[in-house]
Amino acid sequence: GAILGYKRGLRNQYNHTSLIKIKGLDSKEDAQFYLGKKVAYITKVSTAGGKNGSKFRVNWGKVCRAHGSNGVVKCKFARDLPP
């Protein structure tokens, strides 16, 4: 999916919840399938210092609810996603 940004109001931004547009998802009813599913935000690092000498880091999150009626979902990650 694509990261659209954070949950926000007119003046406040809530970094603990990210908005994700899942590819091929076009309705709120289709988004029900993904509720509770885990998502991974994977980044590549310059040093191989991860588990088993991995050059990648992963930030796990979970789909918590739909956002609107166009297939966008709200996800909460273990660590906030970078801007």
N, C-alpha and C. Protein backbone atom coordinates (compact mmCIF):
# COMPACT_ATOMS: atom_id res chain seq x y z
N GLY A 1 0.82 -1.19 0.00
CA GLY A 1 0.00 0.00 0.00
C GLY A 1 0.86 1.25 0.00
N ALA A 2 0.20 2.38 -0.10
CA ALA A 2 0.88 3.68 -0.11
C ALA A 2 0.56 4.43 1.18
N ILE A 3 1.57 5.08 1.74
CA ILE A 3 1.39 5.87 2.95
C ILE A 3 0.90 7.26 2.55
N LEU A 4 -0.27 7.64 3.06
CA LEU A 4 -0.85 8.93 2.71
C LEU A 4 -0.47 10.02 3.71
N GLY A 5 -0.22 9.64 4.95
CA GLY A 5 0.10 10.62 5.98
C GLY A 5 -0.41 10.13 7.32
N TYR A 6 -0.57 11.07 8.24
CA TYR A 6 -1.04 10.74 9.58
C TYR A 6 -2.51 11.09 9.73
N LYS A 7 -3.13 10.48 10.74
CA LYS A 7 -4.47 10.89 11.13
C LYS A 7 -4.36 12.33 11.61
N ARG A 8 -5.31 13.19 11.18
CA ARG A 8 -5.21 14.59 11.56
C ARG A 8 -6.56 15.27 11.52
N GLY A 9 -6.62 16.36 12.24
CA GLY A 9 -7.75 17.26 12.18
C GLY A 9 -7.29 18.51 11.45
N LEU A 10 -8.02 19.57 11.62
CA LEU A 10 -7.66 20.81 10.95
C LEU A 10 -6.35 21.38 11.50
N ARG A 11 -6.19 21.33 12.80
CA ARG A 11 -5.01 21.92 13.44
C ARG A 11 -4.08 20.92 14.10
N ASN A 12 -4.57 19.73 14.41
CA ASN A 12 -3.77 18.74 15.14
C ASN A 12 -3.44 17.54 14.26
N GLN A 13 -2.24 16.99 14.47
CA GLN A 13 -1.80 15.80 13.76
C GLN A 13 -1.49 14.73 14.78
N TYR A 14 -1.95 13.50 14.52
CA TYR A 14 -1.76 12.40 15.45
C TYR A 14 -0.81 11.38 14.82
N ASN A 15 0.45 11.41 15.24
CA ASN A 15 1.49 10.61 14.60
C ASN A 15 1.36 9.12 14.90
N HIS A 16 0.61 8.75 15.93
CA HIS A 16 0.53 7.33 16.29
C HIS A 16 -0.37 6.54 15.35
N THR A 17 -1.12 7.21 14.48
CA THR A 17 -2.00 6.53 13.54
C THR A 17 -1.70 7.00 12.12
N SER A 18 -1.38 6.06 11.23
CA SER A 18 -1.05 6.39 9.84
C SER A 18 -2.18 5.96 8.92
N LEU A 19 -2.35 6.72 7.83
CA LEU A 19 -3.35 6.39 6.82
C LEU A 19 -2.66 5.67 5.67
N ILE A 20 -3.15 4.49 5.33
CA ILE A 20 -2.55 3.66 4.29
C ILE A 20 -3.60 3.36 3.23
N LYS A 21 -3.27 3.60 1.96
CA LYS A 21 -4.14 3.24 0.84
C LYS A 21 -3.67 1.89 0.31
N ILE A 22 -4.50 0.87 0.47
CA ILE A 22 -4.14 -0.48 0.03
C ILE A 22 -4.51 -0.64 -1.44
N LYS A 23 -3.57 -1.15 -2.21
CA LYS A 23 -3.76 -1.33 -3.65
C LYS A 23 -4.90 -2.33 -3.92
N GLY A 24 -5.80 -1.96 -4.82
CA GLY A 24 -6.90 -2.84 -5.18
C GLY A 24 -8.10 -2.76 -4.26
N LEU A 25 -8.06 -1.87 -3.28
CA LEU A 25 -9.15 -1.72 -2.31
C LEU A 25 -9.92 -0.46 -2.67
N ASP A 26 -11.24 -0.59 -2.89
CA ASP A 26 -12.01 0.55 -3.36
C ASP A 26 -13.25 0.86 -2.55
N SER A 27 -13.50 0.12 -1.47
CA SER A 27 -14.70 0.40 -0.69
C SER A 27 -14.48 0.09 0.78
N LYS A 28 -15.36 0.63 1.59
CA LYS A 28 -15.29 0.39 3.03
C LYS A 28 -15.57 -1.08 3.35
N GLU A 29 -16.45 -1.69 2.57
CA GLU A 29 -16.80 -3.10 2.80
C GLU A 29 -15.60 -4.01 2.52
N ASP A 30 -14.81 -3.69 1.48
CA ASP A 30 -13.61 -4.47 1.18
C ASP A 30 -12.56 -4.31 2.28
N ALA A 31 -12.53 -3.16 2.92
CA ALA A 31 -11.54 -2.89 3.96
C ALA A 31 -11.80 -3.74 5.21
N GLN A 32 -13.01 -4.23 5.39
CA GLN A 32 -13.34 -5.05 6.56
C GLN A 32 -12.46 -6.30 6.63
N PHE A 33 -12.08 -6.84 5.47
CA PHE A 33 -11.24 -8.04 5.42
C PHE A 33 -9.88 -7.79 6.08
N TYR A 34 -9.35 -6.57 5.95
CA TYR A 34 -8.00 -6.27 6.42
C TYR A 34 -7.94 -5.86 7.89
N LEU A 35 -9.07 -5.67 8.54
CA LEU A 35 -9.06 -5.24 9.94
C LEU A 35 -8.38 -6.30 10.80
N GLY A 36 -7.43 -5.87 11.62
CA GLY A 36 -6.69 -6.78 12.48
C GLY A 36 -5.48 -7.42 11.84
N LYS A 37 -5.32 -7.25 10.52
CA LYS A 37 -4.16 -7.83 9.82
C LYS A 37 -2.91 -7.01 10.13
N LYS A 38 -1.76 -7.68 10.10
CA LYS A 38 -0.50 -7.00 10.36
C LYS A 38 0.08 -6.43 9.08
N VAL A 39 0.75 -5.28 9.21
CA VAL A 39 1.44 -4.66 8.09
C VAL A 39 2.88 -4.39 8.52
N ALA A 40 3.78 -4.36 7.55
CA ALA A 40 5.19 -4.14 7.84
C ALA A 40 5.70 -2.94 7.05
N TYR A 41 6.43 -2.06 7.74
CA TYR A 41 7.12 -0.94 7.09
C TYR A 41 8.59 -1.30 7.10
N ILE A 42 9.16 -1.59 5.92
CA ILE A 42 10.53 -2.10 5.83
C ILE A 42 11.44 -1.01 5.30
N THR A 43 12.58 -0.80 5.97
CA THR A 43 13.58 0.16 5.53
C THR A 43 14.92 -0.54 5.38
N LYS A 44 15.71 -0.05 4.44
CA LYS A 44 17.04 -0.59 4.21
C LYS A 44 18.04 0.24 5.01
N VAL A 45 19.01 -0.43 5.65
CA VAL A 45 20.02 0.27 6.45
C VAL A 45 21.40 0.04 5.85
N SER A 46 22.31 0.95 6.17
CA SER A 46 23.64 0.86 5.58
C SER A 46 24.50 -0.23 6.22
N THR A 47 24.32 -0.45 7.53
CA THR A 47 25.11 -1.46 8.22
C THR A 47 24.28 -2.71 8.45
N ALA A 48 24.93 -3.85 8.37
CA ALA A 48 24.23 -5.12 8.57
C ALA A 48 24.28 -5.49 10.04
N GLY A 49 23.55 -4.77 10.85
CA GLY A 49 23.60 -5.00 12.30
C GLY A 49 22.33 -5.56 12.87
N GLY A 50 21.38 -5.95 12.01
CA GLY A 50 20.12 -6.47 12.49
C GLY A 50 20.21 -7.93 12.87
N LYS A 51 19.05 -8.53 13.08
CA LYS A 51 19.01 -9.95 13.40
C LYS A 51 19.51 -10.76 12.21
N ASN A 52 20.35 -11.74 12.48
CA ASN A 52 20.92 -12.63 11.46
C ASN A 52 21.67 -11.86 10.38
N GLY A 53 22.25 -10.71 10.72
CA GLY A 53 23.03 -9.94 9.77
C GLY A 53 22.20 -9.30 8.67
N SER A 54 20.96 -9.00 8.95
CA SER A 54 20.06 -8.43 7.95
C SER A 54 20.38 -6.97 7.69
N LYS A 55 20.16 -6.54 6.44
CA LYS A 55 20.36 -5.14 6.07
C LYS A 55 19.04 -4.38 6.03
N PHE A 56 18.02 -4.94 6.67
CA PHE A 56 16.70 -4.32 6.67
C PHE A 56 16.18 -4.19 8.10
N ARG A 57 15.35 -3.17 8.31
CA ARG A 57 14.65 -3.00 9.59
C ARG A 57 13.17 -3.02 9.30
N VAL A 58 12.41 -3.57 10.23
CA VAL A 58 10.97 -3.66 10.03
C VAL A 58 10.24 -3.05 11.21
N ASN A 59 9.20 -2.30 10.91
CA ASN A 59 8.33 -1.70 11.91
C ASN A 59 6.94 -2.32 11.70
N TRP A 60 6.49 -3.11 12.67
CA TRP A 60 5.21 -3.82 12.53
C TRP A 60 4.06 -2.95 12.97
N GLY A 61 2.96 -3.09 12.28
CA GLY A 61 1.74 -2.36 12.62
C GLY A 61 0.53 -3.23 12.41
N LYS A 62 -0.63 -2.68 12.77
CA LYS A 62 -1.87 -3.42 12.64
C LYS A 62 -2.95 -2.50 12.09
N VAL A 63 -3.75 -3.03 11.17
CA VAL A 63 -4.87 -2.27 10.62
C VAL A 63 -5.96 -2.21 11.68
N CYS A 64 -6.37 -0.98 12.06
CA CYS A 64 -7.35 -0.87 13.14
C CYS A 64 -8.74 -0.47 12.68
N ARG A 65 -8.88 0.25 11.57
CA ARG A 65 -10.22 0.61 11.08
C ARG A 65 -10.14 1.21 9.69
N ALA A 66 -11.30 1.37 9.06
CA ALA A 66 -11.36 2.01 7.75
C ALA A 66 -11.34 3.52 7.93
N HIS A 67 -10.97 4.22 6.86
CA HIS A 67 -10.95 5.69 6.87
C HIS A 67 -11.67 6.13 5.61
N GLY A 68 -12.89 6.58 5.76
CA GLY A 68 -13.67 6.99 4.60
C GLY A 68 -14.22 5.79 3.86
N SER A 69 -14.61 6.00 2.61
CA SER A 69 -15.25 4.92 1.84
C SER A 69 -14.49 4.57 0.57
N ASN A 70 -13.20 4.93 0.50
CA ASN A 70 -12.42 4.69 -0.72
C ASN A 70 -11.32 3.65 -0.56
N GLY A 71 -11.35 2.87 0.50
CA GLY A 71 -10.34 1.83 0.67
C GLY A 71 -9.10 2.27 1.40
N VAL A 72 -9.17 3.38 2.11
CA VAL A 72 -8.06 3.82 2.96
C VAL A 72 -8.29 3.25 4.35
N VAL A 73 -7.22 2.78 5.00
CA VAL A 73 -7.34 2.23 6.35
C VAL A 73 -6.41 2.98 7.30
N LYS A 74 -6.75 2.94 8.58
CA LYS A 74 -5.91 3.51 9.63
C LYS A 74 -5.10 2.38 10.25
N CYS A 75 -3.79 2.60 10.43
CA CYS A 75 -2.90 1.59 11.00
C CYS A 75 -2.14 2.20 12.16
N LYS A 76 -1.95 1.39 13.19
CA LYS A 76 -1.12 1.81 14.32
C LYS A 76 0.14 0.96 14.29
N PHE A 77 1.30 1.61 14.34
CA PHE A 77 2.59 0.94 14.28
C PHE A 77 3.25 0.92 15.65
N ALA A 78 4.19 0.01 15.84
CA ALA A 78 4.92 -0.10 17.11
C ALA A 78 5.70 1.19 17.37
N ARG A 79 6.31 1.73 16.33
CA ARG A 79 6.96 3.04 16.39
C ARG A 79 6.35 3.91 15.30
N ASP A 80 6.17 5.18 15.57
CA ASP A 80 5.55 6.06 14.58
C ASP A 80 6.35 6.05 13.29
N LEU A 81 5.65 6.11 12.17
CA LEU A 81 6.32 6.15 10.88
C LEU A 81 6.99 7.50 10.68
N PRO A 82 8.10 7.54 9.93
CA PRO A 82 8.75 8.82 9.67
C PRO A 82 7.88 9.70 8.77
N PRO A 83 8.07 11.01 8.84
CA PRO A 83 7.25 11.92 8.04
C PRO A 83 7.54 11.80 6.54
